[in-house]
Amino acid sequence: METGSLPYYLCRSKKNRMKELNVAIIGCGNLGLSIVHGLLGNASIAPGSITVTKRNIESIRDLEAKGVQVTTDNAAAVRASDLILIAVKPYDMEGILREISEVVNPQKHTLVSLATGVSLKEIEGVLSKPVPLFRAMPNIATDIRESVTCICETRADNGHRKAVEWVFGHLGTTLHINEDLMEAATILGACGIAYVLRFIRAMIQGGIQIGFDAETAKNIVNQTVKGAAELLITKNEHPEMEIDKVTTPKGCTIVGLNEMEHQGFSSSLIRGIVASFERIEK
């Protein structure tokens, strides 16, 4: 990125660290902690530029040894930061916003909500100032910088977008979508990782039943799933194109696939996705 196109706090230092971009993560639970781990794994981000908050900080006290600022004071974390990631449960969102509202500075701060189902309009209704606002939906693969993060925004200019993209770009890939698709993005991207993990667990169990020990089955399945995903990403093919290559006439693959479909494999997955989406919509 060119320095001139970024907000003042995104100027690069000689060591290529964005030292002047200070990031606060309000509510360092499972997702917040995954984000911290992902950011700490990148040399472009100074640990001291990250501040995290939690009511009970004992569970994240070890982050201090890594250089991260740890506090229970949300307002102080906001004052010390430029980019504010609010990673709390939806029902806690209004209280957090009211708590930090007085210290938010529209000339300095950019707010990013990670809360499911809380709209930008609802957030604006609580805040007393016209702050640049984003909603972002990553998943726990931020921990290893392999998340997909869907983003939408309001009151943001190109500099704010680049700042948010810069942070989440260090945690995986980013996609800008319309806000009316954010709940769907939550299901497919954030909940979706649990669906994939459950599929992997089932494959491992099947591997054990046909003769492998648990460790060997896990290694085979993990690499198989990784290879399948990389194959689709690299070749940009529809899954059925690659499936056709391994489903030979009267072969074992097609027999297995047909049995899975007879038992409702695809329809169960689709119904689960829709059920999760309907839960958010209520």
C-alpha atoms as a PDB file:
ATOM      1  CA  MET A   1       0.000   0.000   0.000  1.00  0.00           C
ATOM      2  CA  GLU A   2       1.108   3.543  -0.631  1.00  0.00           C
ATOM      3  CA  THR A   3       1.444   5.579   2.533  1.00  0.00           C
ATOM      4  CA  GLY A   4      -0.246   8.590   0.988  1.00  0.00           C
ATOM      5  CA  SER A   5      -3.504   6.723   0.444  1.00  0.00           C
ATOM      6  CA  LEU A   6      -3.846   5.610   4.063  1.00  0.00           C
ATOM      7  CA  PRO A   7      -5.141   7.298   7.226  1.00  0.00           C
ATOM      8  CA  TYR A   8      -2.419   9.037   9.230  1.00  0.00           C
ATOM      9  CA  TYR A   9      -2.129   6.123  11.655  1.00  0.00           C
ATOM     10  CA  LEU A  10      -1.221   3.672   8.913  1.00  0.00           C
ATOM     11  CA  CYS A  11       2.146   5.147   7.978  1.00  0.00           C
ATOM     12  CA  ARG A  12       4.802   2.463   7.613  1.00  0.00           C
ATOM     13  CA  SER A  13       7.943   2.563   9.710  1.00  0.00           C
ATOM     14  CA  LYS A  14      11.393   1.728   8.356  1.00  0.00           C
ATOM     15  CA  LYS A  15      10.988  -1.820   9.666  1.00  0.00           C
ATOM     16  CA  ASN A  16       7.756  -2.237   7.714  1.00  0.00           C
ATOM     17  CA  ARG A  17       5.673  -2.378  10.891  1.00  0.00           C
ATOM     18  CA  MET A  18       2.418  -0.457  11.078  1.00  0.00           C
ATOM     19  CA  LYS A  19       3.483   0.863  14.483  1.00  0.00           C
ATOM     20  CA  GLU A  20       1.044   3.739  14.457  1.00  0.00           C
ATOM     21  CA  LEU A  21      -2.031   1.573  13.944  1.00  0.00           C
ATOM     22  CA  ASN A  22      -3.197   0.648  17.419  1.00  0.00           C
ATOM     23  CA  VAL A  23      -5.858  -2.041  17.568  1.00  0.00           C
ATOM     24  CA  ALA A  24      -8.236  -2.731  20.463  1.00  0.00           C
ATOM     25  CA  ILE A  25     -10.198  -5.968  20.761  1.00  0.00           C
ATOM     26  CA  ILE A  26     -13.104  -5.418  23.124  1.00  0.00           C
ATOM     27  CA  GLY A  27     -14.214  -8.772  24.533  1.00  0.00           C
ATOM     28  CA  CYS A  28     -11.361 -11.212  24.069  1.00  0.00           C
ATOM     29  CA  GLY A  29     -13.309 -14.485  24.071  1.00  0.00           C
ATOM     30  CA  ASN A  30     -12.734 -17.389  21.691  1.00  0.00           C
ATOM     31  CA  LEU A  31     -13.005 -15.317  18.500  1.00  0.00           C
ATOM     32  CA  GLY A  32     -11.116 -12.343  19.937  1.00  0.00           C
ATOM     33  CA  LEU A  33      -8.331 -14.611  21.129  1.00  0.00           C
ATOM     34  CA  SER A  34      -8.104 -16.268  17.722  1.00  0.00           C
ATOM     35  CA  ILE A  35      -7.716 -12.828  16.158  1.00  0.00           C
ATOM     36  CA  VAL A  36      -4.952 -11.903  18.605  1.00  0.00           C
ATOM     37  CA  HIS A  37      -3.067 -15.124  17.854  1.00  0.00           C
ATOM     38  CA  GLY A  38      -3.387 -14.461  14.133  1.00  0.00           C
ATOM     39  CA  LEU A  39      -2.115 -10.890  14.447  1.00  0.00           C
ATOM     40  CA  LEU A  40       0.780 -11.936  16.665  1.00  0.00           C
ATOM     41  CA  GLY A  41       1.835 -14.439  14.031  1.00  0.00           C
ATOM     42  CA  ASN A  42       2.596 -11.658  11.553  1.00  0.00           C
ATOM     43  CA  ALA A  43       5.834  -9.709  11.684  1.00  0.00           C
ATOM     44  CA  SER A  44       4.171  -6.556  10.298  1.00  0.00           C
ATOM     45  CA  ILE A  45       2.209  -5.986  13.518  1.00  0.00           C
ATOM     46  CA  ALA A  46       3.901  -4.922  16.741  1.00  0.00           C
ATOM     47  CA  PRO A  47       2.445  -6.768  19.777  1.00  0.00           C
ATOM     48  CA  GLY A  48       2.494  -3.544  21.785  1.00  0.00           C
ATOM     49  CA  SER A  49       0.023  -1.983  19.328  1.00  0.00           C
ATOM     50  CA  ILE A  50      -2.665  -4.487  20.381  1.00  0.00           C
ATOM     51  CA  THR A  51      -4.897  -3.919  23.427  1.00  0.00           C
ATOM     52  CA  VAL A  52      -7.396  -6.552  24.539  1.00  0.00           C
ATOM     53  CA  THR A  53     -10.133  -6.399  27.151  1.00  0.00           C
ATOM     54  CA  LYS A  54     -12.089  -8.966  29.110  1.00  0.00           C
ATOM     55  CA  ARG A  55     -14.059  -8.918  32.357  1.00  0.00           C
ATOM     56  CA  ASN A  56     -11.915 -11.690  33.786  1.00  0.00           C
ATOM     57  CA  ILE A  57      -8.438 -11.173  32.371  1.00  0.00           C
ATOM     58  CA  GLU A  58      -6.765 -14.040  34.200  1.00  0.00           C
ATOM     59  CA  SER A  59      -7.539 -16.390  31.296  1.00  0.00           C
ATOM     60  CA  ILE A  60      -5.677 -14.103  28.875  1.00  0.00           C
ATOM     61  CA  ARG A  61      -2.957 -12.855  31.218  1.00  0.00           C
ATOM     62  CA  ASP A  62      -0.347 -14.851  29.253  1.00  0.00           C
ATOM     63  CA  LEU A  63      -0.740 -12.374  26.378  1.00  0.00           C
ATOM     64  CA  GLU A  64       1.112  -9.771  28.440  1.00  0.00           C
ATOM     65  CA  ALA A  65       4.299 -11.828  28.187  1.00  0.00           C
ATOM     66  CA  LYS A  66       3.964 -11.540  24.400  1.00  0.00           C
ATOM     67  CA  GLY A  67       3.776  -7.753  24.563  1.00  0.00           C
ATOM     68  CA  VAL A  68      -0.004  -7.326  24.257  1.00  0.00           C
ATOM     69  CA  GLN A  69      -1.741  -4.747  26.454  1.00  0.00           C
ATOM     70  CA  VAL A  70      -4.366  -6.471  28.657  1.00  0.00           C
ATOM     71  CA  THR A  71      -7.029  -4.586  30.616  1.00  0.00           C
ATOM     72  CA  THR A  72     -10.573  -4.710  31.977  1.00  0.00           C
ATOM     73  CA  ASP A  73     -11.115  -1.042  31.094  1.00  0.00           C
ATOM     74  CA  ASN A  74     -12.904  -0.799  27.731  1.00  0.00           C
ATOM     75  CA  ALA A  75     -12.829   3.001  27.651  1.00  0.00           C
ATOM     76  CA  ALA A  76      -9.079   3.090  28.265  1.00  0.00           C
ATOM     77  CA  ALA A  77      -8.542   0.536  25.489  1.00  0.00           C
ATOM     78  CA  VAL A  78     -10.490   2.726  23.083  1.00  0.00           C
ATOM     79  CA  ARG A  79      -8.542   5.842  24.028  1.00  0.00           C
ATOM     80  CA  ALA A  80      -5.264   4.026  23.339  1.00  0.00           C
ATOM     81  CA  SER A  81      -6.360   2.679  19.953  1.00  0.00           C
ATOM     82  CA  ASP A  82      -7.371   3.694  16.449  1.00  0.00           C
ATOM     83  CA  LEU A  83      -9.180   0.601  15.174  1.00  0.00           C
ATOM     84  CA  ILE A  84     -11.703  -0.887  17.607  1.00  0.00           C
ATOM     85  CA  LEU A  85     -12.883  -4.490  17.111  1.00  0.00           C
ATOM     86  CA  ILE A  86     -15.936  -5.222  19.253  1.00  0.00           C
ATOM     87  CA  ALA A  87     -16.024  -8.995  19.710  1.00  0.00           C
ATOM     88  CA  VAL A  88     -18.832  -9.430  22.228  1.00  0.00           C
ATOM     89  CA  LYS A  89     -22.096 -11.372  22.154  1.00  0.00           C
ATOM     90  CA  PRO A  90     -25.006  -9.576  20.449  1.00  0.00           C
ATOM     91  CA  TYR A  91     -26.866  -9.118  23.739  1.00  0.00           C
ATOM     92  CA  ASP A  92     -23.834  -7.328  25.242  1.00  0.00           C
ATOM     93  CA  MET A  93     -23.366  -4.999  22.294  1.00  0.00           C
ATOM     94  CA  GLU A  94     -25.585  -2.107  23.404  1.00  0.00           C
ATOM     95  CA  GLY A  95     -24.014  -1.970  26.857  1.00  0.00           C
ATOM     96  CA  ILE A  96     -20.494  -1.920  25.434  1.00  0.00           C
ATOM     97  CA  LEU A  97     -21.396   0.800  22.941  1.00  0.00           C
ATOM     98  CA  ARG A  98     -22.879   2.978  25.671  1.00  0.00           C
ATOM     99  CA  GLU A  99     -19.792   2.391  27.802  1.00  0.00           C
ATOM    100  CA  ILE A 100     -17.366   3.576  25.134  1.00  0.00           C
ATOM    101  CA  SER A 101     -19.586   6.155  23.422  1.00  0.00           C
ATOM    102  CA  GLU A 102     -18.182   9.157  25.285  1.00  0.00           C
ATOM    103  CA  VAL A 103     -14.555   8.354  24.469  1.00  0.00           C
ATOM    104  CA  VAL A 104     -15.059   7.520  20.789  1.00  0.00           C
ATOM    105  CA  ASN A 105     -13.561  10.171  18.526  1.00  0.00           C
ATOM    106  CA  PRO A 106     -14.875  10.247  14.909  1.00  0.00           C
ATOM    107  CA  GLN A 107     -11.639  11.914  13.768  1.00  0.00           C
ATOM    108  CA  LYS A 108      -9.513   9.091  15.151  1.00  0.00           C
ATOM    109  CA  HIS A 109     -11.496   5.907  15.640  1.00  0.00           C
ATOM    110  CA  THR A 110     -12.908   3.284  13.317  1.00  0.00           C
ATOM    111  CA  LEU A 111     -15.311   0.775  14.877  1.00  0.00           C
ATOM    112  CA  VAL A 112     -15.705  -2.797  13.652  1.00  0.00           C
ATOM    113  CA  SER A 113     -18.521  -4.929  15.068  1.00  0.00           C
ATOM    114  CA  LEU A 114     -18.102  -8.710  15.036  1.00  0.00           C
ATOM    115  CA  ALA A 115     -21.511  -9.272  16.647  1.00  0.00           C
ATOM    116  CA  THR A 116     -23.976 -11.421  14.727  1.00  0.00           C
ATOM    117  CA  GLY A 117     -27.346  -9.886  13.898  1.00  0.00           C
ATOM    118  CA  VAL A 118     -26.624  -6.325  15.079  1.00  0.00           C
ATOM    119  CA  SER A 119     -27.043  -3.947  12.152  1.00  0.00           C
ATOM    120  CA  LEU A 120     -25.011  -0.858  11.373  1.00  0.00           C
ATOM    121  CA  LYS A 121     -28.176   1.201  11.838  1.00  0.00           C
ATOM    122  CA  GLU A 122     -28.684  -0.238  15.325  1.00  0.00           C
ATOM    123  CA  ILE A 123     -25.089   0.576  16.244  1.00  0.00           C
ATOM    124  CA  GLU A 124     -25.469   4.131  14.931  1.00  0.00           C
ATOM    125  CA  GLY A 125     -28.618   4.468  17.026  1.00  0.00           C
ATOM    126  CA  VAL A 126     -26.646   3.850  20.223  1.00  0.00           C
ATOM    127  CA  LEU A 127     -23.532   5.876  19.440  1.00  0.00           C
ATOM    128  CA  SER A 128     -23.809   9.635  19.825  1.00  0.00           C
ATOM    129  CA  LYS A 129     -21.247  10.413  17.118  1.00  0.00           C
ATOM    130  CA  PRO A 130     -20.936   9.686  13.356  1.00  0.00           C
ATOM    131  CA  VAL A 131     -18.038   7.236  13.607  1.00  0.00           C
ATOM    132  CA  PRO A 132     -16.848   5.173  10.595  1.00  0.00           C
ATOM    133  CA  LEU A 133     -18.530   1.799  11.162  1.00  0.00           C
ATOM    134  CA  PHE A 134     -17.895  -1.692   9.847  1.00  0.00           C
ATOM    135  CA  ARG A 135     -19.372  -5.107  10.405  1.00  0.00           C
ATOM    136  CA  ALA A 136     -16.972  -7.988   9.904  1.00  0.00           C
ATOM    137  CA  MET A 137     -17.555 -11.720  10.144  1.00  0.00           C
ATOM    138  CA  PRO A 138     -14.357 -13.787  10.370  1.00  0.00           C
ATOM    139  CA  ASN A 139     -14.096 -17.323  11.745  1.00  0.00           C
ATOM    140  CA  ILE A 140     -11.816 -19.027  14.249  1.00  0.00           C
ATOM    141  CA  ALA A 141      -9.309 -19.880  11.506  1.00  0.00           C
ATOM    142  CA  THR A 142      -8.020 -16.346  12.150  1.00  0.00           C
ATOM    143  CA  ASP A 143      -5.894 -18.192  14.707  1.00  0.00           C
ATOM    144  CA  ILE A 144      -3.746 -19.567  11.863  1.00  0.00           C
ATOM    145  CA  ARG A 145      -4.414 -16.699   9.408  1.00  0.00           C
ATOM    146  CA  GLU A 146      -6.713 -18.788   7.187  1.00  0.00           C
ATOM    147  CA  SER A 147     -10.075 -17.134   7.864  1.00  0.00           C
ATOM    148  CA  VAL A 148     -12.471 -15.708   5.330  1.00  0.00           C
ATOM    149  CA  THR A 149     -13.825 -12.381   6.587  1.00  0.00           C
ATOM    150  CA  CYS A 150     -16.911 -10.754   5.071  1.00  0.00           C
ATOM    151  CA  ILE A 151     -17.117  -6.983   5.519  1.00  0.00           C
ATOM    152  CA  CYS A 152     -19.654  -4.183   5.063  1.00  0.00           C
ATOM    153  CA  GLU A 153     -19.516  -0.567   6.194  1.00  0.00           C
ATOM    154  CA  THR A 154     -21.071   2.868   6.527  1.00  0.00           C
ATOM    155  CA  ARG A 155     -19.577   6.371   6.916  1.00  0.00           C
ATOM    156  CA  ALA A 156     -16.233   4.944   5.768  1.00  0.00           C
ATOM    157  CA  ASP A 157     -13.861   6.326   3.170  1.00  0.00           C
ATOM    158  CA  ASN A 158     -11.201   4.492   1.198  1.00  0.00           C
ATOM    159  CA  GLY A 159      -8.620   4.985   3.938  1.00  0.00           C
ATOM    160  CA  HIS A 160     -10.823   3.369   6.565  1.00  0.00           C
ATOM    161  CA  ARG A 161     -11.527   0.443   4.228  1.00  0.00           C
ATOM    162  CA  LYS A 162      -7.825  -0.096   3.627  1.00  0.00           C
ATOM    163  CA  ALA A 163      -7.151  -0.060   7.359  1.00  0.00           C
ATOM    164  CA  VAL A 164      -9.785  -2.718   8.028  1.00  0.00           C
ATOM    165  CA  GLU A 165      -8.693  -4.780   5.016  1.00  0.00           C
ATOM    166  CA  TRP A 166      -5.083  -4.521   6.169  1.00  0.00           C
ATOM    167  CA  VAL A 167      -5.892  -6.033   9.566  1.00  0.00           C
ATOM    168  CA  PHE A 168      -8.213  -8.799   8.367  1.00  0.00           C
ATOM    169  CA  GLY A 169      -6.002  -9.433   5.352  1.00  0.00           C
ATOM    170  CA  HIS A 170      -3.364 -10.588   7.839  1.00  0.00           C
ATOM    171  CA  LEU A 171      -5.870 -13.134   9.119  1.00  0.00           C
ATOM    172  CA  GLY A 172      -6.844 -14.711   5.791  1.00  0.00           C
ATOM    173  CA  THR A 173      -8.924 -13.430   2.882  1.00  0.00           C
ATOM    174  CA  THR A 174     -11.505 -10.636   2.855  1.00  0.00           C
ATOM    175  CA  LEU A 175     -14.700 -10.066   0.881  1.00  0.00           C
ATOM    176  CA  HIS A 176     -16.877  -6.939   0.757  1.00  0.00           C
ATOM    177  CA  ILE A 177     -20.584  -7.793   0.684  1.00  0.00           C
ATOM    178  CA  ASN A 178     -23.914  -6.011   1.128  1.00  0.00           C
ATOM    179  CA  GLU A 179     -25.077  -5.797   4.710  1.00  0.00           C
ATOM    180  CA  ASP A 180     -28.217  -7.797   3.981  1.00  0.00           C
ATOM    181  CA  LEU A 181     -25.948 -10.808   3.374  1.00  0.00           C
ATOM    182  CA  MET A 182     -24.018 -10.537   6.648  1.00  0.00           C
ATOM    183  CA  GLU A 183     -26.207 -13.058   8.458  1.00  0.00           C
ATOM    184  CA  ALA A 184     -25.819 -15.504   5.577  1.00  0.00           C
ATOM    185  CA  ALA A 185     -22.058 -14.899   5.723  1.00  0.00           C
ATOM    186  CA  THR A 186     -22.132 -15.765   9.419  1.00  0.00           C
ATOM    187  CA  ILE A 187     -23.694 -19.150   8.651  1.00  0.00           C
ATOM    188  CA  LEU A 188     -21.540 -20.057   5.666  1.00  0.00           C
ATOM    189  CA  GLY A 189     -18.219 -18.731   6.937  1.00  0.00           C
ATOM    190  CA  ALA A 190     -18.301 -18.647  10.744  1.00  0.00           C
ATOM    191  CA  CYS A 191     -20.738 -21.464  11.568  1.00  0.00           C
ATOM    192  CA  GLY A 192     -19.539 -23.252   8.440  1.00  0.00           C
ATOM    193  CA  ILE A 193     -16.177 -24.066   9.950  1.00  0.00           C
ATOM    194  CA  ALA A 194     -17.983 -26.142  12.606  1.00  0.00           C
ATOM    195  CA  TYR A 195     -19.887 -28.004   9.881  1.00  0.00           C
ATOM    196  CA  VAL A 196     -16.633 -28.837   8.103  1.00  0.00           C
ATOM    197  CA  LEU A 197     -15.005 -29.962  11.347  1.00  0.00           C
ATOM    198  CA  ARG A 198     -17.957 -32.238  12.101  1.00  0.00           C
ATOM    199  CA  PHE A 199     -17.594 -33.755   8.604  1.00  0.00           C
ATOM    200  CA  ILE A 200     -13.892 -34.327   9.277  1.00  0.00           C
ATOM    201  CA  ARG A 201     -14.676 -35.982  12.587  1.00  0.00           C
ATOM    202  CA  ALA A 202     -17.120 -38.334  10.889  1.00  0.00           C
ATOM    203  CA  MET A 203     -14.534 -39.248   8.251  1.00  0.00           C
ATOM    204  CA  ILE A 204     -12.016 -40.048  10.963  1.00  0.00           C
ATOM    205  CA  GLN A 205     -14.563 -42.240  12.742  1.00  0.00           C
ATOM    206  CA  GLY A 206     -15.241 -44.041   9.476  1.00  0.00           C
ATOM    207  CA  GLY A 207     -11.512 -44.530   8.968  1.00  0.00           C
ATOM    208  CA  ILE A 208     -11.194 -46.130  12.395  1.00  0.00           C
ATOM    209  CA  GLN A 209     -14.091 -48.474  11.637  1.00  0.00           C
ATOM    210  CA  ILE A 210     -12.409 -49.753   8.458  1.00  0.00           C
ATOM    211  CA  GLY A 211      -9.110 -50.454  10.192  1.00  0.00           C
ATOM    212  CA  PHE A 212      -6.949 -47.406  10.880  1.00  0.00           C
ATOM    213  CA  ASP A 213      -5.847 -46.242  14.291  1.00  0.00           C
ATOM    214  CA  ALA A 214      -7.171 -42.826  15.286  1.00  0.00           C
ATOM    215  CA  GLU A 215      -3.930 -40.902  14.662  1.00  0.00           C
ATOM    216  CA  THR A 216      -3.374 -42.362  11.195  1.00  0.00           C
ATOM    217  CA  ALA A 217      -7.017 -41.814  10.238  1.00  0.00           C
ATOM    218  CA  LYS A 218      -6.778 -38.198  11.383  1.00  0.00           C
ATOM    219  CA  ASN A 219      -3.618 -37.564   9.361  1.00  0.00           C
ATOM    220  CA  ILE A 220      -5.096 -39.072   6.198  1.00  0.00           C
ATOM    221  CA  VAL A 221      -8.403 -37.212   6.536  1.00  0.00           C
ATOM    222  CA  ASN A 222      -6.862 -33.843   7.419  1.00  0.00           C
ATOM    223  CA  GLN A 223      -4.581 -33.897   4.399  1.00  0.00           C
ATOM    224  CA  THR A 224      -7.376 -35.165   2.147  1.00  0.00           C
ATOM    225  CA  VAL A 225      -9.671 -32.300   3.173  1.00  0.00           C
ATOM    226  CA  LYS A 226      -6.849 -29.775   2.829  1.00  0.00           C
ATOM    227  CA  GLY A 227      -5.987 -31.149  -0.602  1.00  0.00           C
ATOM    228  CA  ALA A 228      -9.622 -31.017  -1.741  1.00  0.00           C
ATOM    229  CA  ALA A 229      -9.934 -27.360  -0.723  1.00  0.00           C
ATOM    230  CA  GLU A 230      -6.614 -26.387  -2.325  1.00  0.00           C
ATOM    231  CA  LEU A 231      -7.597 -28.233  -5.507  1.00  0.00           C
ATOM    232  CA  LEU A 232     -10.775 -26.180  -5.875  1.00  0.00           C
ATOM    233  CA  ILE A 233      -9.033 -22.920  -4.981  1.00  0.00           C
ATOM    234  CA  THR A 234      -6.120 -23.498  -7.356  1.00  0.00           C
ATOM    235  CA  LYS A 235      -8.101 -24.805 -10.309  1.00  0.00           C
ATOM    236  CA  ASN A 236     -11.229 -22.698  -9.685  1.00  0.00           C
ATOM    237  CA  GLU A 237     -13.438 -25.631 -10.666  1.00  0.00           C
ATOM    238  CA  HIS A 238     -16.905 -26.622  -9.526  1.00  0.00           C
ATOM    239  CA  PRO A 239     -16.639 -29.554  -7.066  1.00  0.00           C
ATOM    240  CA  GLU A 240     -18.562 -31.871  -9.399  1.00  0.00           C
ATOM    241  CA  MET A 241     -15.846 -31.483 -12.043  1.00  0.00           C
ATOM    242  CA  GLU A 242     -13.300 -33.011  -9.682  1.00  0.00           C
ATOM    243  CA  ILE A 243     -15.749 -35.578  -8.262  1.00  0.00           C
ATOM    244  CA  ASP A 244     -16.321 -36.924 -11.775  1.00  0.00           C
ATOM    245  CA  LYS A 245     -12.619 -37.719 -12.055  1.00  0.00           C
ATOM    246  CA  VAL A 246     -12.756 -40.238  -9.194  1.00  0.00           C
ATOM    247  CA  THR A 247     -16.186 -41.778  -9.754  1.00  0.00           C
ATOM    248  CA  THR A 248     -15.404 -44.564 -12.189  1.00  0.00           C
ATOM    249  CA  PRO A 249     -18.199 -46.888 -13.432  1.00  0.00           C
ATOM    250  CA  LYS A 250     -19.073 -49.557 -10.851  1.00  0.00           C
ATOM    251  CA  GLY A 251     -16.325 -48.173  -8.608  1.00  0.00           C
ATOM    252  CA  CYS A 252     -16.191 -47.860  -4.833  1.00  0.00           C
ATOM    253  CA  THR A 253     -16.388 -44.039  -4.857  1.00  0.00           C
ATOM    254  CA  ILE A 254     -19.775 -43.816  -6.572  1.00  0.00           C
ATOM    255  CA  VAL A 255     -21.160 -46.567  -4.356  1.00  0.00           C
ATOM    256  CA  GLY A 256     -20.116 -44.630  -1.280  1.00  0.00           C
ATOM    257  CA  LEU A 257     -21.443 -41.314  -2.593  1.00  0.00           C
ATOM    258  CA  ASN A 258     -24.790 -42.842  -3.547  1.00  0.00           C
ATOM    259  CA  GLU A 259     -25.167 -44.429  -0.108  1.00  0.00           C
ATOM    260  CA  MET A 260     -24.429 -41.087   1.552  1.00  0.00           C
ATOM    261  CA  GLU A 261     -27.034 -39.373  -0.627  1.00  0.00           C
ATOM    262  CA  HIS A 262     -29.589 -42.109   0.108  1.00  0.00           C
ATOM    263  CA  GLN A 263     -29.024 -41.323   3.789  1.00  0.00           C
ATOM    264  CA  GLY A 264     -29.576 -37.610   3.179  1.00  0.00           C
ATOM    265  CA  PHE A 265     -25.982 -36.348   3.229  1.00  0.00           C
ATOM    266  CA  SER A 266     -26.392 -33.243   1.034  1.00  0.00           C
ATOM    267  CA  SER A 267     -29.959 -32.499   2.092  1.00  0.00           C
ATOM    268  CA  SER A 268     -29.026 -32.730   5.798  1.00  0.00           C
ATOM    269  CA  LEU A 269     -26.188 -30.285   5.328  1.00  0.00           C
ATOM    270  CA  ILE A 270     -28.356 -27.842   3.398  1.00  0.00           C
ATOM    271  CA  ARG A 271     -31.163 -28.122   5.962  1.00  0.00           C
ATOM    272  CA  GLY A 272     -28.660 -27.491   8.748  1.00  0.00           C
ATOM    273  CA  ILE A 273     -27.383 -24.344   7.034  1.00  0.00           C
ATOM    274  CA  VAL A 274     -30.934 -23.080   6.503  1.00  0.00           C
ATOM    275  CA  ALA A 275     -31.912 -23.910  10.107  1.00  0.00           C
ATOM    276  CA  SER A 276     -28.941 -21.926  11.433  1.00  0.00           C
ATOM    277  CA  PHE A 277     -29.835 -18.999   9.177  1.00  0.00           C
ATOM    278  CA  GLU A 278     -33.462 -19.039  10.323  1.00  0.00           C
ATOM    279  CA  ARG A 279     -32.273 -18.961  13.929  1.00  0.00           C
ATOM    280  CA  ILE A 280     -30.466 -15.662  13.299  1.00  0.00           C
ATOM    281  CA  GLU A 281     -33.474 -14.250  11.454  1.00  0.00           C
ATOM    282  CA  LYS A 282     -35.835 -14.768  14.414  1.00  0.00           C
END
